[in-house]
C-alpha atoms as a PDB file:
ATOM      1  CA  UNK A   1       0.000   0.000   0.000  1.00  0.00           C
ATOM      2  CA  UNK A   2       1.160   3.505  -0.701  1.00  0.00           C
ATOM      3  CA  UNK A   3       1.490   6.186   1.954  1.00  0.00           C
ATOM      4  CA  UNK A   4      -1.967   7.204   3.108  1.00  0.00           C
ATOM      5  CA  UNK A   5      -3.485  10.421   1.840  1.00  0.00           C
ATOM      6  CA  UNK A   6      -5.487  12.512   4.217  1.00  0.00           C
ATOM      7  CA  UNK A   7      -7.587  14.240   1.572  1.00  0.00           C
ATOM      8  CA  UNK A   8      -8.673  13.656  -1.988  1.00  0.00           C
ATOM      9  CA  UNK A   9      -9.262  16.308  -4.609  1.00  0.00           C
ATOM     10  CA  UNK A  10     -12.884  17.190  -5.182  1.00  0.00           C
ATOM     11  CA  UNK A  11     -12.814  15.748  -8.683  1.00  0.00           C
ATOM     12  CA  UNK A  12     -11.900  12.307  -7.261  1.00  0.00           C
ATOM     13  CA  UNK A  13     -14.811  12.541  -4.823  1.00  0.00           C
ATOM     14  CA  UNK A  14     -17.115  13.454  -7.681  1.00  0.00           C
ATOM     15  CA  UNK A  15     -15.737  10.708  -9.949  1.00  0.00           C
ATOM     16  CA  UNK A  16     -16.118   8.176  -7.135  1.00  0.00           C
ATOM     17  CA  UNK A  17     -19.792   9.147  -6.737  1.00  0.00           C
ATOM     18  CA  UNK A  18     -20.206   8.539 -10.490  1.00  0.00           C
ATOM     19  CA  UNK A  19     -18.728   5.036 -10.216  1.00  0.00           C
ATOM     20  CA  UNK A  20     -15.220   5.745 -11.527  1.00  0.00           C
ATOM     21  CA  UNK A  21     -13.065   2.721 -10.668  1.00  0.00           C
ATOM     22  CA  UNK A  22      -9.860   4.770 -10.889  1.00  0.00           C
ATOM     23  CA  UNK A  23     -11.192   7.119  -8.212  1.00  0.00           C
ATOM     24  CA  UNK A  24     -12.128   4.119  -6.085  1.00  0.00           C
ATOM     25  CA  UNK A  25      -8.610   2.731  -6.462  1.00  0.00           C
ATOM     26  CA  UNK A  26      -7.163   6.095  -5.419  1.00  0.00           C
ATOM     27  CA  UNK A  27      -9.399   6.121  -2.332  1.00  0.00           C
ATOM     28  CA  UNK A  28      -8.365   2.547  -1.506  1.00  0.00           C
ATOM     29  CA  UNK A  29      -4.673   3.284  -1.946  1.00  0.00           C
ATOM     30  CA  UNK A  30      -4.966   6.458   0.098  1.00  0.00           C
ATOM     31  CA  UNK A  31      -7.039   5.148   3.034  1.00  0.00           C
ATOM     32  CA  UNK A  32      -6.806   1.356   3.291  1.00  0.00           C
ATOM     33  CA  UNK A  33      -3.916   1.615   5.760  1.00  0.00           C
ATOM     34  CA  UNK A  34      -5.873   3.999   8.017  1.00  0.00           C
ATOM     35  CA  UNK A  35      -8.893   1.664   7.933  1.00  0.00           C
ATOM     36  CA  UNK A  36      -6.626  -1.298   8.711  1.00  0.00           C
ATOM     37  CA  UNK A  37      -5.020   0.445  11.713  1.00  0.00           C
ATOM     38  CA  UNK A  38      -8.426   1.468  13.052  1.00  0.00           C
ATOM     39  CA  UNK A  39      -9.777  -2.086  12.789  1.00  0.00           C
ATOM     40  CA  UNK A  40      -6.581  -3.627  14.163  1.00  0.00           C
ATOM     41  CA  UNK A  41      -6.689  -1.345  17.208  1.00  0.00           C
ATOM     42  CA  UNK A  42      -9.955  -3.043  18.246  1.00  0.00           C
ATOM     43  CA  UNK A  43      -9.489  -6.570  16.902  1.00  0.00           C
ATOM     44  CA  UNK A  44      -5.768  -7.224  17.438  1.00  0.00           C
ATOM     45  CA  UNK A  45      -5.814  -9.596  14.489  1.00  0.00           C
ATOM     46  CA  UNK A  46      -4.230  -8.946  11.111  1.00  0.00           C
ATOM     47  CA  UNK A  47      -6.604 -11.332   9.330  1.00  0.00           C
ATOM     48  CA  UNK A  48      -9.711  -9.830  10.887  1.00  0.00           C
ATOM     49  CA  UNK A  49      -8.498  -6.289  10.237  1.00  0.00           C
ATOM     50  CA  UNK A  50      -7.851  -7.211   6.583  1.00  0.00           C
ATOM     51  CA  UNK A  51     -11.401  -8.580   6.357  1.00  0.00           C
ATOM     52  CA  UNK A  52     -12.792  -5.346   7.781  1.00  0.00           C
ATOM     53  CA  UNK A  53     -10.795  -3.313   5.219  1.00  0.00           C
ATOM     54  CA  UNK A  54     -12.408  -5.323   2.430  1.00  0.00           C
ATOM     55  CA  UNK A  55     -15.890  -4.879   3.941  1.00  0.00           C
ATOM     56  CA  UNK A  56     -15.407  -1.129   4.427  1.00  0.00           C
ATOM     57  CA  UNK A  57     -14.353  -0.573   0.840  1.00  0.00           C
ATOM     58  CA  UNK A  58     -17.186  -2.760  -0.439  1.00  0.00           C
ATOM     59  CA  UNK A  59     -19.579  -0.553   1.525  1.00  0.00           C
ATOM     60  CA  UNK A  60     -17.840   2.541   0.105  1.00  0.00           C
ATOM     61  CA  UNK A  61     -18.352   1.263  -3.430  1.00  0.00           C
ATOM     62  CA  UNK A  62     -21.964   0.252  -2.740  1.00  0.00           C
ATOM     63  CA  UNK A  63     -22.768   3.712  -1.289  1.00  0.00           C
ATOM     64  CA  UNK A  64     -20.824   5.695  -3.883  1.00  0.00           C
ATOM     65  CA  UNK A  65     -23.975   7.356  -5.234  1.00  0.00           C
ATOM     66  CA  UNK A  66     -24.479   9.064  -1.852  1.00  0.00           C
ATOM     67  CA  UNK A  67     -20.840  10.042  -1.712  1.00  0.00           C
ATOM     68  CA  UNK A  68     -21.391  13.630  -2.827  1.00  0.00           C
ATOM     69  CA  UNK A  69     -22.471  14.478   0.735  1.00  0.00           C
ATOM     70  CA  UNK A  70     -19.191  13.291   2.261  1.00  0.00           C
ATOM     71  CA  UNK A  71     -16.822  16.125   3.133  1.00  0.00           C
ATOM     72  CA  UNK A  72     -14.077  14.224   4.980  1.00  0.00           C
ATOM     73  CA  UNK A  73     -13.374  10.800   3.503  1.00  0.00           C
ATOM     74  CA  UNK A  74     -11.040   9.747   6.312  1.00  0.00           C
ATOM     75  CA  UNK A  75     -13.658  10.375   9.013  1.00  0.00           C
ATOM     76  CA  UNK A  76     -16.291   8.697   6.879  1.00  0.00           C
ATOM     77  CA  UNK A  77     -14.159   5.558   6.440  1.00  0.00           C
ATOM     78  CA  UNK A  78     -13.206   5.463  10.140  1.00  0.00           C
ATOM     79  CA  UNK A  79     -16.893   5.701  11.017  1.00  0.00           C
ATOM     80  CA  UNK A  80     -17.760   2.806   8.680  1.00  0.00           C
ATOM     81  CA  UNK A  81     -14.826   0.832  10.129  1.00  0.00           C
ATOM     82  CA  UNK A  82     -16.062   1.364  13.689  1.00  0.00           C
ATOM     83  CA  UNK A  83     -19.557   0.262  12.689  1.00  0.00           C
ATOM     84  CA  UNK A  84     -18.165  -2.882  11.054  1.00  0.00           C
ATOM     85  CA  UNK A  85     -16.035  -3.747  14.092  1.00  0.00           C
ATOM     86  CA  UNK A  86     -18.999  -3.251  16.442  1.00  0.00           C
ATOM     87  CA  UNK A  87     -21.197  -5.339  14.151  1.00  0.00           C
ATOM     88  CA  UNK A  88     -18.552  -8.061  14.299  1.00  0.00           C
ATOM     89  CA  UNK A  89     -18.513  -7.871  18.116  1.00  0.00           C
ATOM     90  CA  UNK A  90     -22.323  -8.080  18.227  1.00  0.00           C
ATOM     91  CA  UNK A  91     -22.275 -11.084  15.873  1.00  0.00           C
ATOM     92  CA  UNK A  92     -19.661 -12.818  18.045  1.00  0.00           C
ATOM     93  CA  UNK A  93     -21.689 -12.126  21.184  1.00  0.00           C
ATOM     94  CA  UNK A  94     -24.825 -13.496  19.523  1.00  0.00           C
ATOM     95  CA  UNK A  95     -22.986 -16.570  18.221  1.00  0.00           C
ATOM     96  CA  UNK A  96     -21.452 -17.148  21.653  1.00  0.00           C
ATOM     97  CA  UNK A  97     -24.883 -16.986  23.285  1.00  0.00           C
ATOM     98  CA  UNK A  98     -26.317 -19.289  20.616  1.00  0.00           C
ATOM     99  CA  UNK A  99     -23.446 -21.743  21.043  1.00  0.00           C
ATOM    100  CA  UNK A 100     -23.839 -21.664  24.817  1.00  0.00           C
ATOM    101  CA  UNK A 101     -27.587 -22.375  24.540  1.00  0.00           C
ATOM    102  CA  UNK A 102     -26.925 -25.135  21.994  1.00  0.00           C
ATOM    103  CA  UNK A 103     -24.219 -26.711  24.164  1.00  0.00           C
ATOM    104  CA  UNK A 104     -26.405 -26.493  27.259  1.00  0.00           C
ATOM    105  CA  UNK A 105     -29.245 -28.190  25.365  1.00  0.00           C
ATOM    106  CA  UNK A 106     -26.870 -30.787  23.931  1.00  0.00           C
ATOM    107  CA  UNK A 107     -25.404 -31.475  27.369  1.00  0.00           C
ATOM    108  CA  UNK A 108     -28.912 -31.841  28.792  1.00  0.00           C
ATOM    109  CA  UNK A 109     -29.850 -34.243  25.984  1.00  0.00           C
ATOM    110  CA  UNK A 110     -26.671 -36.246  26.521  1.00  0.00           C
ATOM    111  CA  UNK A 111     -27.266 -36.296  30.273  1.00  0.00           C
ATOM    112  CA  UNK A 112     -30.887 -37.368  29.736  1.00  0.00           C
ATOM    113  CA  UNK A 113     -29.875 -40.060  27.260  1.00  0.00           C
ATOM    114  CA  UNK A 114     -27.096 -41.249  29.551  1.00  0.00           C
ATOM    115  CA  UNK A 115     -29.517 -41.260  32.479  1.00  0.00           C
ATOM    116  CA  UNK A 116     -32.094 -43.249  30.489  1.00  0.00           C
ATOM    117  CA  UNK A 117     -29.494 -45.793  29.399  1.00  0.00           C
ATOM    118  CA  UNK A 118     -28.080 -46.146  32.917  1.00  0.00           C
ATOM    119  CA  UNK A 119     -31.577 -46.440  34.302  1.00  0.00           C
ATOM    120  CA  UNK A 120     -32.433 -49.190  31.828  1.00  0.00           C
ATOM    121  CA  UNK A 121     -29.183 -50.990  32.581  1.00  0.00           C
ATOM    122  CA  UNK A 122     -29.700 -50.702  36.327  1.00  0.00           C
ATOM    123  CA  UNK A 123     -33.287 -51.936  36.104  1.00  0.00           C
ATOM    124  CA  UNK A 124     -32.184 -54.860  33.972  1.00  0.00           C
ATOM    125  CA  UNK A 125     -29.363 -55.781  36.350  1.00  0.00           C
ATOM    126  CA  UNK A 126     -31.555 -55.455  39.433  1.00  0.00           C
ATOM    127  CA  UNK A 127     -34.317 -57.546  37.816  1.00  0.00           C
ATOM    128  CA  UNK A 128     -31.765 -60.214  36.934  1.00  0.00           C
ATOM    129  CA  UNK A 129     -30.436 -60.259  40.503  1.00  0.00           C
ATOM    130  CA  UNK A 130     -33.938 -60.322  41.991  1.00  0.00           C
ATOM    131  CA  UNK A 131     -34.730 -63.330  39.778  1.00  0.00           C
ATOM    132  CA  UNK A 132     -31.705 -65.106  41.326  1.00  0.00           C
ATOM    133  CA  UNK A 133     -33.048 -64.674  44.875  1.00  0.00           C
ATOM    134  CA  UNK A 134     -34.588 -67.706  46.586  1.00  0.00           C
ATOM    135  CA  UNK A 135     -38.346 -67.808  45.972  1.00  0.00           C
ATOM    136  CA  UNK A 136     -39.449 -66.673  49.457  1.00  0.00           C
ATOM    137  CA  UNK A 137     -36.887 -63.799  49.573  1.00  0.00           C
ATOM    138  CA  UNK A 138     -37.913 -62.718  46.071  1.00  0.00           C
ATOM    139  CA  UNK A 139     -41.576 -62.673  47.053  1.00  0.00           C
ATOM    140  CA  UNK A 140     -40.959 -60.671  50.242  1.00  0.00           C
ATOM    141  CA  UNK A 141     -38.691 -58.236  48.381  1.00  0.00           C
ATOM    142  CA  UNK A 142     -41.148 -57.617  45.515  1.00  0.00           C
ATOM    143  CA  UNK A 143     -44.088 -57.175  47.879  1.00  0.00           C
ATOM    144  CA  UNK A 144     -42.069 -54.593  49.803  1.00  0.00           C
ATOM    145  CA  UNK A 145     -40.497 -52.724  46.881  1.00  0.00           C
ATOM    146  CA  UNK A 146     -43.037 -53.080  44.080  1.00  0.00           C
ATOM    147  CA  UNK A 147     -46.274 -52.999  46.065  1.00  0.00           C
ATOM    148  CA  UNK A 148     -45.011 -50.818  48.921  1.00  0.00           C
ATOM    149  CA  UNK A 149     -46.229 -53.171  51.621  1.00  0.00           C
ATOM    150  CA  UNK A 150     -44.885 -52.932  55.167  1.00  0.00           C
ATOM    151  CA  UNK A 151     -43.243 -55.881  56.924  1.00  0.00           C
ATOM    152  CA  UNK A 152     -46.387 -56.303  59.007  1.00  0.00           C
ATOM    153  CA  UNK A 153     -48.625 -56.424  55.881  1.00  0.00           C
ATOM    154  CA  UNK A 154     -46.325 -58.937  54.167  1.00  0.00           C
ATOM    155  CA  UNK A 155     -46.256 -61.116  57.295  1.00  0.00           C
ATOM    156  CA  UNK A 156     -50.064 -61.148  57.406  1.00  0.00           C
ATOM    157  CA  UNK A 157     -50.409 -61.924  53.676  1.00  0.00           C
ATOM    158  CA  UNK A 158     -47.804 -64.706  53.633  1.00  0.00           C
ATOM    159  CA  UNK A 159     -48.726 -65.977  57.107  1.00  0.00           C
ATOM    160  CA  UNK A 160     -45.167 -65.462  58.366  1.00  0.00           C
ATOM    161  CA  UNK A 161     -43.786 -63.753  61.441  1.00  0.00           C
ATOM    162  CA  UNK A 162     -42.557 -60.189  61.092  1.00  0.00           C
ATOM    163  CA  UNK A 163     -39.082 -61.395  62.139  1.00  0.00           C
ATOM    164  CA  UNK A 164     -39.038 -63.886  59.252  1.00  0.00           C
ATOM    165  CA  UNK A 165     -40.129 -61.180  56.790  1.00  0.00           C
ATOM    166  CA  UNK A 166     -37.434 -58.858  58.129  1.00  0.00           C
ATOM    167  CA  UNK A 167     -34.836 -61.661  57.890  1.00  0.00           C
ATOM    168  CA  UNK A 168     -35.808 -62.322  54.232  1.00  0.00           C
ATOM    169  CA  UNK A 169     -35.526 -58.590  53.433  1.00  0.00           C
ATOM    170  CA  UNK A 170     -32.124 -58.277  55.124  1.00  0.00           C
ATOM    171  CA  UNK A 171     -30.757 -61.302  53.234  1.00  0.00           C
ATOM    172  CA  UNK A 172     -32.231 -60.125  49.921  1.00  0.00           C
ATOM    173  CA  UNK A 173     -30.732 -56.660  50.346  1.00  0.00           C
ATOM    174  CA  UNK A 174     -27.345 -58.097  51.360  1.00  0.00           C
ATOM    175  CA  UNK A 175     -27.321 -60.294  48.257  1.00  0.00           C
ATOM    176  CA  UNK A 176     -28.261 -57.387  46.005  1.00  0.00           C
ATOM    177  CA  UNK A 177     -25.690 -55.048  47.562  1.00  0.00           C
ATOM    178  CA  UNK A 178     -22.911 -57.598  47.256  1.00  0.00           C
ATOM    179  CA  UNK A 179     -23.697 -58.220  43.611  1.00  0.00           C
ATOM    180  CA  UNK A 180     -24.204 -54.577  42.726  1.00  0.00           C
ATOM    181  CA  UNK A 181     -21.128 -53.190  44.491  1.00  0.00           C
ATOM    182  CA  UNK A 182     -18.747 -54.021  41.628  1.00  0.00           C
ATOM    183  CA  UNK A 183     -20.977 -51.901  39.360  1.00  0.00           C
ATOM    184  CA  UNK A 184     -21.982 -48.423  40.397  1.00  0.00           C
ATOM    185  CA  UNK A 185     -22.595 -46.883  43.782  1.00  0.00           C
ATOM    186  CA  UNK A 186     -25.724 -45.522  42.104  1.00  0.00           C
ATOM    187  CA  UNK A 187     -27.402 -48.889  42.626  1.00  0.00           C
ATOM    188  CA  UNK A 188     -26.869 -48.665  46.367  1.00  0.00           C
ATOM    189  CA  UNK A 189     -28.969 -45.529  46.432  1.00  0.00           C
ATOM    190  CA  UNK A 190     -31.793 -47.410  44.776  1.00  0.00           C
ATOM    191  CA  UNK A 191     -31.664 -50.130  47.395  1.00  0.00           C
ATOM    192  CA  UNK A 192     -31.293 -47.929  50.454  1.00  0.00           C
ATOM    193  CA  UNK A 193     -33.473 -49.164  53.264  1.00  0.00           C
END
């Protein structure tokens, strides 16, 4: 890039407003470095500042018909540059919020899926272990856990003493705990008395 110019002759401003590519090139050569420095001051990235320079001069070309009202090209370009940098910051903030919401939702879905899978696995394992209990222990355990019956109600229904019902429950729970302990401590919470 050539040394920056701080002003352009009026005929270049007029020619630029008429769509003269030579006048546009003169404006680019004269002010691209100033636009770059302004963008770089905020962004601290050469690549991003270069992108902003391209955007600013695209905007300049697109708005060339309104250019006759511009009196100080440098201030005009610095203003456009600032707007572009702030727009970039707003876009980043919006994308960051969107990414955060997406990641939170994804994490929740993964957690829910993981929870469902673990739940299914735990239910399957517990059912398998319950099926391995002796018949009387299995019956006492299922009446207590599945039907929510108290030891007294189970004793009445099965015509057993409460001590026998309690003994069956203790042995069933010991068996389940012993066989679940190599897996997850999560299962112990399920079987807490």
